[in-house]
């Protein structure tokens, strides 16, 4: 398997994980907020939704965090593919141990900076994906707003 084949396969795998995580979070948020809404509509004790609110907010945080980091992993694979396609020299480890290098990437703290610098050097916007922003930032924000409205309804 060539390096290009490896990174194409890895990018595919990481993107599939990202999509599946999004589906899990969308489904779980929808279920939890639906149950909370049902409880508020049928019971006089509306304060019972607070445990569900807590769960919903934790899920929102996890959604944002996991999607962001998995998105960085997808971008890493794209960055490596761009290097290969541009005939840029990969490090010895990138050539001989690409999976080990990828696992080190996942633990690094400066992913956003590395990708941002790569974007500037190559005039490519790996970090500026409209669908990634929509599904990783805006959609969780919409769920957050729904939770806020439900909380306001309970308080008022």
C-alpha atoms as a PDB file:
ATOM      1  CA  UNK A   1       0.000   0.000   0.000  1.00  0.00           C
ATOM      2  CA  UNK A   2       1.404   3.390  -0.961  1.00  0.00           C
ATOM      3  CA  UNK A   3       1.370   6.368   1.385  1.00  0.00           C
ATOM      4  CA  UNK A   4      -1.294   7.967  -0.782  1.00  0.00           C
ATOM      5  CA  UNK A   5      -3.480   4.872  -0.513  1.00  0.00           C
ATOM      6  CA  UNK A   6      -2.915   4.762   3.238  1.00  0.00           C
ATOM      7  CA  UNK A   7      -3.964   8.405   3.730  1.00  0.00           C
ATOM      8  CA  UNK A   8      -6.977   8.045   1.437  1.00  0.00           C
ATOM      9  CA  UNK A   9      -8.115   5.025   3.454  1.00  0.00           C
ATOM     10  CA  UNK A  10      -7.401   6.759   6.756  1.00  0.00           C
ATOM     11  CA  UNK A  11      -9.219   9.931   5.633  1.00  0.00           C
ATOM     12  CA  UNK A  12     -12.215   7.823   4.625  1.00  0.00           C
ATOM     13  CA  UNK A  13     -12.216   6.029   7.958  1.00  0.00           C
ATOM     14  CA  UNK A  14     -11.861   9.225   9.991  1.00  0.00           C
ATOM     15  CA  UNK A  15     -14.597  10.966   7.993  1.00  0.00           C
ATOM     16  CA  UNK A  16     -16.927   7.996   8.494  1.00  0.00           C
ATOM     17  CA  UNK A  17     -16.272   8.151  12.236  1.00  0.00           C
ATOM     18  CA  UNK A  18     -17.017  11.879  12.203  1.00  0.00           C
ATOM     19  CA  UNK A  19     -20.310  11.337  10.374  1.00  0.00           C
ATOM     20  CA  UNK A  20     -21.331   8.511  12.707  1.00  0.00           C
ATOM     21  CA  UNK A  21     -20.543  10.582  15.799  1.00  0.00           C
ATOM     22  CA  UNK A  22     -22.678  13.389  14.417  1.00  0.00           C
ATOM     23  CA  UNK A  23     -25.560  10.995  13.841  1.00  0.00           C
ATOM     24  CA  UNK A  24     -25.252   9.705  17.392  1.00  0.00           C
ATOM     25  CA  UNK A  25     -25.278  13.207  18.841  1.00  0.00           C
ATOM     26  CA  UNK A  26     -28.146  14.435  16.667  1.00  0.00           C
ATOM     27  CA  UNK A  27     -30.211  11.381  17.601  1.00  0.00           C
ATOM     28  CA  UNK A  28     -29.400  11.583  21.311  1.00  0.00           C
ATOM     29  CA  UNK A  29     -30.118  15.326  21.487  1.00  0.00           C
ATOM     30  CA  UNK A  30     -33.405  14.876  19.665  1.00  0.00           C
ATOM     31  CA  UNK A  31     -34.490  12.065  21.992  1.00  0.00           C
ATOM     32  CA  UNK A  32     -33.488  13.859  25.203  1.00  0.00           C
ATOM     33  CA  UNK A  33     -35.062  17.193  24.265  1.00  0.00           C
ATOM     34  CA  UNK A  34     -38.219  15.430  23.042  1.00  0.00           C
ATOM     35  CA  UNK A  35     -38.589  13.617  26.354  1.00  0.00           C
ATOM     36  CA  UNK A  36     -38.007  16.879  28.255  1.00  0.00           C
ATOM     37  CA  UNK A  37     -40.601  18.679  26.130  1.00  0.00           C
ATOM     38  CA  UNK A  38     -43.103  15.879  26.671  1.00  0.00           C
ATOM     39  CA  UNK A  39     -42.532  15.977  30.435  1.00  0.00           C
ATOM     40  CA  UNK A  40     -43.008  19.754  30.523  1.00  0.00           C
ATOM     41  CA  UNK A  41     -46.233  19.484  28.556  1.00  0.00           C
ATOM     42  CA  UNK A  42     -47.900  16.750  30.653  1.00  0.00           C
ATOM     43  CA  UNK A  43     -46.775  17.249  34.236  1.00  0.00           C
ATOM     44  CA  UNK A  44     -47.337  20.117  36.662  1.00  0.00           C
ATOM     45  CA  UNK A  45     -43.862  19.502  38.153  1.00  0.00           C
ATOM     46  CA  UNK A  46     -41.852  21.003  35.320  1.00  0.00           C
ATOM     47  CA  UNK A  47     -38.629  21.115  37.356  1.00  0.00           C
ATOM     48  CA  UNK A  48     -38.177  17.416  36.714  1.00  0.00           C
ATOM     49  CA  UNK A  49     -36.600  18.314  33.365  1.00  0.00           C
ATOM     50  CA  UNK A  50     -33.384  19.563  35.017  1.00  0.00           C
ATOM     51  CA  UNK A  51     -31.654  16.161  34.959  1.00  0.00           C
ATOM     52  CA  UNK A  52     -32.495  15.942  31.253  1.00  0.00           C
ATOM     53  CA  UNK A  53     -31.248  19.498  30.730  1.00  0.00           C
ATOM     54  CA  UNK A  54     -27.981  18.526  32.414  1.00  0.00           C
ATOM     55  CA  UNK A  55     -27.645  15.456  30.174  1.00  0.00           C
ATOM     56  CA  UNK A  56     -28.498  17.527  27.092  1.00  0.00           C
ATOM     57  CA  UNK A  57     -25.859  20.156  27.877  1.00  0.00           C
ATOM     58  CA  UNK A  58     -23.202  17.517  28.516  1.00  0.00           C
ATOM     59  CA  UNK A  59     -24.084  15.901  25.185  1.00  0.00           C
ATOM     60  CA  UNK A  60     -23.771  19.300  23.463  1.00  0.00           C
ATOM     61  CA  UNK A  61     -20.309  19.804  24.934  1.00  0.00           C
ATOM     62  CA  UNK A  62     -19.234  16.302  23.886  1.00  0.00           C
ATOM     63  CA  UNK A  63     -20.702  16.835  20.415  1.00  0.00           C
ATOM     64  CA  UNK A  64     -18.747  20.028  19.884  1.00  0.00           C
ATOM     65  CA  UNK A  65     -15.517  18.682  21.346  1.00  0.00           C
ATOM     66  CA  UNK A  66     -15.510  15.295  19.619  1.00  0.00           C
ATOM     67  CA  UNK A  67     -16.589  16.716  16.252  1.00  0.00           C
ATOM     68  CA  UNK A  68     -13.893  19.384  16.417  1.00  0.00           C
ATOM     69  CA  UNK A  69     -11.097  16.921  17.174  1.00  0.00           C
ATOM     70  CA  UNK A  70     -12.292  14.290  14.707  1.00  0.00           C
ATOM     71  CA  UNK A  71     -12.503  17.060  12.099  1.00  0.00           C
ATOM     72  CA  UNK A  72      -8.846  17.876  12.816  1.00  0.00           C
ATOM     73  CA  UNK A  73      -8.021  14.217  12.177  1.00  0.00           C
ATOM     74  CA  UNK A  74      -9.775  14.319   8.809  1.00  0.00           C
ATOM     75  CA  UNK A  75      -7.923  17.552   7.969  1.00  0.00           C
ATOM     76  CA  UNK A  76      -4.607  15.934   8.938  1.00  0.00           C
ATOM     77  CA  UNK A  77      -5.202  13.173   6.387  1.00  0.00           C
ATOM     78  CA  UNK A  78      -6.117  15.771   3.763  1.00  0.00           C
ATOM     79  CA  UNK A  79      -2.960  17.722   4.615  1.00  0.00           C
ATOM     80  CA  UNK A  80      -0.823  14.615   4.134  1.00  0.00           C
ATOM     81  CA  UNK A  81      -2.539  13.850   0.818  1.00  0.00           C
ATOM     82  CA  UNK A  82      -1.877  17.392  -0.403  1.00  0.00           C
ATOM     83  CA  UNK A  83       1.796  17.023   0.539  1.00  0.00           C
ATOM     84  CA  UNK A  84       1.995  13.753  -1.409  1.00  0.00           C
ATOM     85  CA  UNK A  85       0.197  15.197  -4.435  1.00  0.00           C
ATOM     86  CA  UNK A  86       2.532  18.220  -4.407  1.00  0.00           C
ATOM     87  CA  UNK A  87       5.544  15.894  -4.234  1.00  0.00           C
ATOM     88  CA  UNK A  88       6.589  17.465  -0.940  1.00  0.00           C
ATOM     89  CA  UNK A  89       9.036  15.469   1.124  1.00  0.00           C
ATOM     90  CA  UNK A  90       7.482  13.587   3.992  1.00  0.00           C
ATOM     91  CA  UNK A  91       9.531  12.884   7.097  1.00  0.00           C
ATOM     92  CA  UNK A  92      11.068   9.456   7.478  1.00  0.00           C
ATOM     93  CA  UNK A  93       8.460   8.568  10.099  1.00  0.00           C
ATOM     94  CA  UNK A  94       5.614   9.849   7.884  1.00  0.00           C
ATOM     95  CA  UNK A  95       6.903   7.528   5.167  1.00  0.00           C
ATOM     96  CA  UNK A  96       7.730   4.474   7.274  1.00  0.00           C
ATOM     97  CA  UNK A  97       5.321   4.735  10.215  1.00  0.00           C
ATOM     98  CA  UNK A  98       2.349   6.782   9.034  1.00  0.00           C
ATOM     99  CA  UNK A  99      -0.061   5.309  11.582  1.00  0.00           C
ATOM    100  CA  UNK A 100       2.292   5.978  14.508  1.00  0.00           C
ATOM    101  CA  UNK A 101       2.693   9.571  13.293  1.00  0.00           C
ATOM    102  CA  UNK A 102      -1.092   9.879  13.034  1.00  0.00           C
ATOM    103  CA  UNK A 103      -1.554   8.633  16.613  1.00  0.00           C
ATOM    104  CA  UNK A 104       1.000  11.219  17.778  1.00  0.00           C
ATOM    105  CA  UNK A 105      -0.960  13.851  15.829  1.00  0.00           C
ATOM    106  CA  UNK A 106      -4.112  12.901  17.720  1.00  0.00           C
ATOM    107  CA  UNK A 107      -2.349  13.610  21.034  1.00  0.00           C
ATOM    108  CA  UNK A 108      -0.783  16.906  19.953  1.00  0.00           C
ATOM    109  CA  UNK A 109      -2.088  20.157  21.405  1.00  0.00           C
ATOM    110  CA  UNK A 110      -1.320  22.476  18.474  1.00  0.00           C
ATOM    111  CA  UNK A 111      -3.397  20.881  15.716  1.00  0.00           C
ATOM    112  CA  UNK A 112      -5.285  24.044  14.832  1.00  0.00           C
ATOM    113  CA  UNK A 113      -2.073  26.054  14.554  1.00  0.00           C
ATOM    114  CA  UNK A 114      -0.389  23.419  12.375  1.00  0.00           C
ATOM    115  CA  UNK A 115      -3.386  23.238  10.039  1.00  0.00           C
ATOM    116  CA  UNK A 116      -3.719  27.018   9.937  1.00  0.00           C
ATOM    117  CA  UNK A 117      -0.055  27.412   8.964  1.00  0.00           C
ATOM    118  CA  UNK A 118      -0.467  24.715   6.309  1.00  0.00           C
ATOM    119  CA  UNK A 119      -3.518  26.555   4.939  1.00  0.00           C
ATOM    120  CA  UNK A 120      -1.505  29.773   4.653  1.00  0.00           C
ATOM    121  CA  UNK A 121       1.471  28.080   2.999  1.00  0.00           C
ATOM    122  CA  UNK A 122      -0.660  26.222   0.447  1.00  0.00           C
ATOM    123  CA  UNK A 123      -3.564  28.662   0.012  1.00  0.00           C
ATOM    124  CA  UNK A 124      -5.973  25.895   0.968  1.00  0.00           C
ATOM    125  CA  UNK A 125      -8.772  26.197   3.503  1.00  0.00           C
ATOM    126  CA  UNK A 126      -8.749  22.834   5.301  1.00  0.00           C
ATOM    127  CA  UNK A 127     -10.215  24.463   8.407  1.00  0.00           C
ATOM    128  CA  UNK A 128     -12.928  26.397   6.577  1.00  0.00           C
ATOM    129  CA  UNK A 129     -15.414  23.695   5.648  1.00  0.00           C
ATOM    130  CA  UNK A 130     -19.008  25.020   5.493  1.00  0.00           C
ATOM    131  CA  UNK A 131     -20.523  21.611   6.278  1.00  0.00           C
ATOM    132  CA  UNK A 132     -18.145  21.090   9.201  1.00  0.00           C
ATOM    133  CA  UNK A 133     -19.157  24.483  10.627  1.00  0.00           C
ATOM    134  CA  UNK A 134     -22.841  23.766  10.099  1.00  0.00           C
ATOM    135  CA  UNK A 135     -22.840  20.328  11.672  1.00  0.00           C
ATOM    136  CA  UNK A 136     -20.156  20.900  14.278  1.00  0.00           C
ATOM    137  CA  UNK A 137     -21.019  24.394  15.483  1.00  0.00           C
ATOM    138  CA  UNK A 138     -24.331  25.766  14.217  1.00  0.00           C
ATOM    139  CA  UNK A 139     -26.469  22.668  14.733  1.00  0.00           C
ATOM    140  CA  UNK A 140     -25.334  22.202  18.365  1.00  0.00           C
ATOM    141  CA  UNK A 141     -26.013  25.910  18.851  1.00  0.00           C
ATOM    142  CA  UNK A 142     -29.567  25.407  17.583  1.00  0.00           C
ATOM    143  CA  UNK A 143     -30.070  22.597  20.109  1.00  0.00           C
ATOM    144  CA  UNK A 144     -28.630  24.849  22.829  1.00  0.00           C
ATOM    145  CA  UNK A 145     -31.164  27.543  21.907  1.00  0.00           C
ATOM    146  CA  UNK A 146     -33.979  24.975  22.054  1.00  0.00           C
ATOM    147  CA  UNK A 147     -32.832  23.979  25.553  1.00  0.00           C
ATOM    148  CA  UNK A 148     -32.735  27.655  26.543  1.00  0.00           C
ATOM    149  CA  UNK A 149     -36.308  28.209  25.318  1.00  0.00           C
ATOM    150  CA  UNK A 150     -37.499  25.117  27.148  1.00  0.00           C
ATOM    151  CA  UNK A 151     -35.804  26.322  30.331  1.00  0.00           C
ATOM    152  CA  UNK A 152     -37.379  29.764  29.947  1.00  0.00           C
ATOM    153  CA  UNK A 153     -40.772  28.120  29.533  1.00  0.00           C
ATOM    154  CA  UNK A 154     -40.270  26.205  32.764  1.00  0.00           C
ATOM    155  CA  UNK A 155     -39.072  29.256  34.696  1.00  0.00           C
ATOM    156  CA  UNK A 156     -41.761  31.643  33.441  1.00  0.00           C
END
